[in-house]
Amino acid sequence: MALAAKNIPLRCRCGRVSGVAKKIAPHTGFRFTCYCRDCQAFARFLDWPDMLDVAGGTDIFQMPAGRVKLATGKDVVRCLQFSDKVLRWYTECCRTPIGNSAGPRFPVVAITHSFMCHDAEPRDTVLGAPLCRIHELSAVGPLPPNAPPPPTVGLFALRVSKLLFWWLRGLGRPNPLFDEHTNAPLSVPRVITPAERDALAGGIPVRLES
């Protein structure tokens, strides 16, 4: 029996940026763990080690962009760009990771656990257990015993079907990280150079201007 969907508060560490993720339940999104080097570099840039598990994995919940609302603090939302495809969002005030997105028309926002406030219930209860792991070859150590399994063809088909459903139902709009009228991002992306990326991936602290 599917759990009833609920609204989950969103908040940065200092409270300046806040909002809500609407209609959250295991069946309304897609949760997975990503071990890619860019996620690890993002956590090191923010100096936020709790974003990663012991092997360098990031807990991510993908959901329709139109169900994420930012109520306060949009003026301090910033983003980095390690590649042409993904924008990585965080708060300038306290450097809390928000999550990842693609362009304004892609119907998905991927929220990290650091920005979701569901302390009253375990994360697995609210979001369901992670469905799979990706990029495990970039893990920085042995995977934890509770690491989710590798993806399957069935899971790939499930994710594609969810994306299509969200797009067809118009659930990807408005995207909270882009201007509704111009499609411009809330902040001009800070493009990370290959040298900066390599330094971050190697665990070297790199403090970049926002």
Protein backbone atom coordinates (compact mmCIF):
# COMPACT_ATOMS: atom_id res chain seq x y z
CA MET A 1 0.00 0.00 0.00
CA ALA A 2 1.50 3.33 -1.07
CA LEU A 3 2.18 5.86 1.66
CA ALA A 4 0.25 9.11 1.50
CA ALA A 5 2.22 11.96 -0.04
CA LYS A 6 3.13 14.86 2.22
CA ASN A 7 4.81 18.24 2.03
CA ILE A 8 8.41 18.36 3.30
CA PRO A 9 10.04 21.62 4.46
CA LEU A 10 13.23 22.70 2.71
CA ARG A 11 15.75 24.78 4.61
CA CYS A 12 19.43 25.67 4.55
CA ARG A 13 21.58 25.37 7.68
CA CYS A 14 21.16 29.02 8.73
CA GLY A 15 17.51 29.27 7.68
CA ARG A 16 17.85 32.12 5.18
CA VAL A 17 16.79 29.91 2.25
CA SER A 18 13.58 27.99 2.80
CA GLY A 19 10.77 26.41 0.87
CA VAL A 20 8.78 23.22 0.49
CA ALA A 21 8.83 20.02 -1.54
CA LYS A 22 5.21 19.12 -2.25
CA LYS A 23 3.52 15.72 -2.48
CA ILE A 24 6.52 13.69 -1.37
CA ALA A 25 6.31 9.91 -1.05
CA PRO A 26 8.43 6.99 -2.28
CA HIS A 27 6.28 6.65 -5.40
CA THR A 28 6.38 10.36 -6.31
CA GLY A 29 10.13 10.54 -6.96
CA PHE A 30 13.24 8.50 -7.65
CA ARG A 31 15.84 8.09 -4.93
CA PHE A 32 19.37 6.84 -5.62
CA THR A 33 22.99 7.16 -4.46
CA CYS A 34 25.54 8.76 -6.79
CA TYR A 35 29.28 8.12 -6.42
CA CYS A 36 30.44 10.33 -9.28
CA ARG A 37 33.55 12.51 -8.91
CA ASP A 38 31.58 15.70 -9.56
CA CYS A 39 29.24 15.07 -6.61
CA GLN A 40 32.29 14.45 -4.44
CA ALA A 41 34.00 17.61 -5.71
CA PHE A 42 30.82 19.60 -5.02
CA ALA A 43 30.75 18.42 -1.40
CA ARG A 44 34.43 19.31 -0.97
CA PHE A 45 33.90 22.74 -2.50
CA LEU A 46 31.14 23.40 0.05
CA ASP A 47 33.19 21.84 2.88
CA TRP A 48 30.17 19.67 3.65
CA PRO A 49 31.46 16.14 4.41
CA ASP A 50 28.07 14.97 5.73
CA MET A 51 26.77 15.21 2.19
CA LEU A 52 28.73 12.02 1.37
CA ASP A 53 28.59 8.51 2.75
CA VAL A 54 31.79 6.67 3.74
CA ALA A 55 32.52 5.79 0.11
CA GLY A 56 31.78 9.26 -1.29
CA GLY A 57 28.15 8.70 -2.28
CA THR A 58 25.48 11.41 -2.36
CA ASP A 59 21.89 10.58 -1.40
CA ILE A 60 19.66 12.16 -4.08
CA PHE A 61 15.89 12.36 -4.52
CA GLN A 62 14.71 13.30 -8.01
CA MET A 63 11.26 14.85 -8.19
CA PRO A 64 9.19 17.08 -10.49
CA ALA A 65 10.63 20.59 -10.57
CA GLY A 66 7.18 22.15 -10.32
CA ARG A 67 6.64 20.61 -6.89
CA VAL A 68 9.65 22.41 -5.39
CA LYS A 69 8.94 25.92 -4.12
CA LEU A 70 11.47 28.39 -2.71
CA ALA A 71 9.80 30.89 -0.39
CA THR A 72 12.77 32.86 0.96
CA GLY A 73 16.41 33.47 0.13
CA LYS A 74 16.39 33.23 -3.65
CA ASP A 75 18.88 36.09 -3.71
CA VAL A 76 21.56 33.89 -2.12
CA VAL A 77 21.04 30.79 -4.25
CA ARG A 78 24.16 30.05 -6.30
CA CYS A 79 25.28 27.33 -8.69
CA LEU A 80 28.39 25.63 -10.04
CA GLN A 81 28.85 23.95 -13.39
CA PHE A 82 31.28 21.05 -13.71
CA SER A 83 29.86 19.93 -17.07
CA ASP A 84 27.55 21.17 -19.79
CA LYS A 85 24.63 19.07 -18.57
CA VAL A 86 24.32 19.62 -14.81
CA LEU A 87 23.99 22.68 -12.57
CA ARG A 88 24.80 22.15 -8.88
CA TRP A 89 22.94 24.51 -6.55
CA TYR A 90 23.84 25.71 -3.07
CA THR A 91 23.26 28.63 -0.71
CA GLU A 92 25.85 31.38 -0.48
CA CYS A 93 24.84 32.27 3.10
CA CYS A 94 25.88 29.00 4.77
CA ARG A 95 26.98 26.90 1.77
CA THR A 96 24.24 24.29 2.18
CA PRO A 97 23.93 21.98 -0.85
CA ILE A 98 20.48 22.23 -2.43
CA GLY A 99 20.74 19.77 -5.30
CA ASN A 100 21.19 19.39 -9.04
CA SER A 101 19.25 20.32 -12.13
CA ALA A 102 19.60 20.48 -15.88
CA GLY A 103 18.08 23.24 -18.02
CA PRO A 104 14.82 25.09 -17.25
CA ARG A 105 12.74 22.80 -19.47
CA PHE A 106 13.99 19.53 -17.99
CA PRO A 107 11.19 18.50 -15.58
CA VAL A 108 13.41 17.32 -12.71
CA VAL A 109 15.12 18.75 -9.65
CA ALA A 110 17.39 16.43 -7.66
CA ILE A 111 17.33 17.42 -3.99
CA THR A 112 20.10 16.35 -1.60
CA HIS A 113 19.30 15.17 1.92
CA SER A 114 21.07 18.21 3.42
CA PHE A 115 18.29 20.53 2.23
CA MET A 116 15.26 18.39 3.22
CA CYS A 117 13.89 18.65 6.77
CA HIS A 118 12.04 15.49 7.78
CA ASP A 119 13.59 14.93 11.20
CA ALA A 120 10.39 13.55 12.68
CA GLU A 121 10.57 10.43 10.50
CA PRO A 122 13.40 8.30 9.07
CA ARG A 123 14.43 9.22 5.55
CA ASP A 124 13.65 5.72 4.30
CA THR A 125 10.08 6.08 5.59
CA VAL A 126 9.52 9.42 3.88
CA LEU A 127 11.33 8.77 0.58
CA GLY A 128 11.63 4.99 0.46
CA ALA A 129 14.98 3.20 0.36
CA PRO A 130 17.38 4.21 -2.45
CA LEU A 131 16.51 2.24 -5.56
CA CYS A 132 20.01 1.96 -6.98
CA ARG A 133 23.56 3.31 -7.03
CA ILE A 134 25.41 4.85 -9.96
CA HIS A 135 29.07 5.62 -10.80
CA GLU A 136 30.30 3.21 -8.12
CA LEU A 137 33.68 2.93 -9.86
CA SER A 138 34.39 6.45 -8.57
CA ALA A 139 33.75 5.49 -4.95
CA VAL A 140 36.61 6.49 -2.63
CA GLY A 141 36.43 3.32 -0.56
CA PRO A 142 34.43 0.13 0.03
CA LEU A 143 30.71 0.67 -0.36
CA PRO A 144 28.76 0.69 2.91
CA PRO A 145 26.86 -2.52 3.78
CA ASN A 146 23.54 -0.78 3.16
CA ALA A 147 24.50 0.56 -0.28
CA PRO A 148 21.67 0.12 -2.79
CA PRO A 149 22.06 -2.33 -5.68
CA PRO A 150 23.30 -1.45 -9.18
CA PRO A 151 20.64 -0.19 -11.60
CA THR A 152 18.67 -2.63 -13.71
CA VAL A 153 16.92 -2.29 -17.06
CA GLY A 154 13.64 -2.27 -15.17
CA LEU A 155 14.73 0.64 -12.99
CA PHE A 156 15.95 2.56 -16.03
CA ALA A 157 12.52 2.06 -17.63
CA LEU A 158 10.82 3.18 -14.40
CA ARG A 159 12.84 6.39 -14.29
CA VAL A 160 12.15 7.18 -17.95
CA SER A 161 8.43 6.57 -17.44
CA LYS A 162 8.39 8.94 -14.46
CA LEU A 163 10.18 11.66 -16.42
CA LEU A 164 7.74 11.32 -19.30
CA PHE A 165 4.77 11.41 -16.94
CA TRP A 166 6.04 14.54 -15.21
CA TRP A 167 6.72 16.25 -18.53
CA LEU A 168 3.36 15.33 -20.08
CA ARG A 169 1.48 16.45 -16.96
CA GLY A 170 3.33 19.77 -16.88
CA LEU A 171 4.81 19.02 -13.45
CA GLY A 172 8.22 20.36 -14.47
CA ARG A 173 7.02 23.96 -14.47
CA PRO A 174 7.63 26.37 -12.95
CA ASN A 175 11.20 25.42 -12.18
CA PRO A 176 12.15 27.11 -8.87
CA LEU A 177 15.79 27.56 -9.92
CA PHE A 178 15.05 29.53 -13.10
CA ASP A 179 13.12 32.71 -13.84
CA GLU A 180 9.62 31.74 -14.95
CA HIS A 181 9.52 34.36 -17.72
CA THR A 182 13.09 34.48 -19.07
CA ASN A 183 14.26 30.94 -18.19
CA ALA A 184 17.47 32.48 -16.83
CA PRO A 185 19.01 30.68 -13.83
CA LEU A 186 18.62 32.38 -10.44
CA SER A 187 22.40 32.82 -10.45
CA VAL A 188 24.90 32.91 -13.29
CA PRO A 189 26.65 29.51 -13.15
CA ARG A 190 30.22 29.52 -11.91
CA VAL A 191 32.03 27.28 -14.41
CA ILE A 192 34.63 25.11 -12.74
CA THR A 193 37.88 24.76 -14.67
CA PRO A 194 39.46 21.32 -15.19
CA ALA A 195 42.29 22.26 -12.82
CA GLU A 196 39.85 23.32 -10.10
CA ARG A 197 37.83 20.15 -10.60
CA ASP A 198 40.92 17.96 -10.34
CA ALA A 199 41.99 19.71 -7.16
CA LEU A 200 38.57 19.26 -5.58
CA ALA A 201 38.35 15.64 -6.70
CA GLY A 202 41.73 15.05 -5.10
CA GLY A 203 40.53 16.36 -1.77
CA ILE A 204 42.40 19.68 -1.96
CA PRO A 205 40.38 22.54 -0.42
CA VAL A 206 39.47 25.08 -3.10
CA ARG A 207 37.67 28.25 -2.11
CA LEU A 208 36.05 29.82 -5.16
CA GLU A 209 34.35 33.15 -5.45
CA SER A 210 30.57 32.81 -5.80
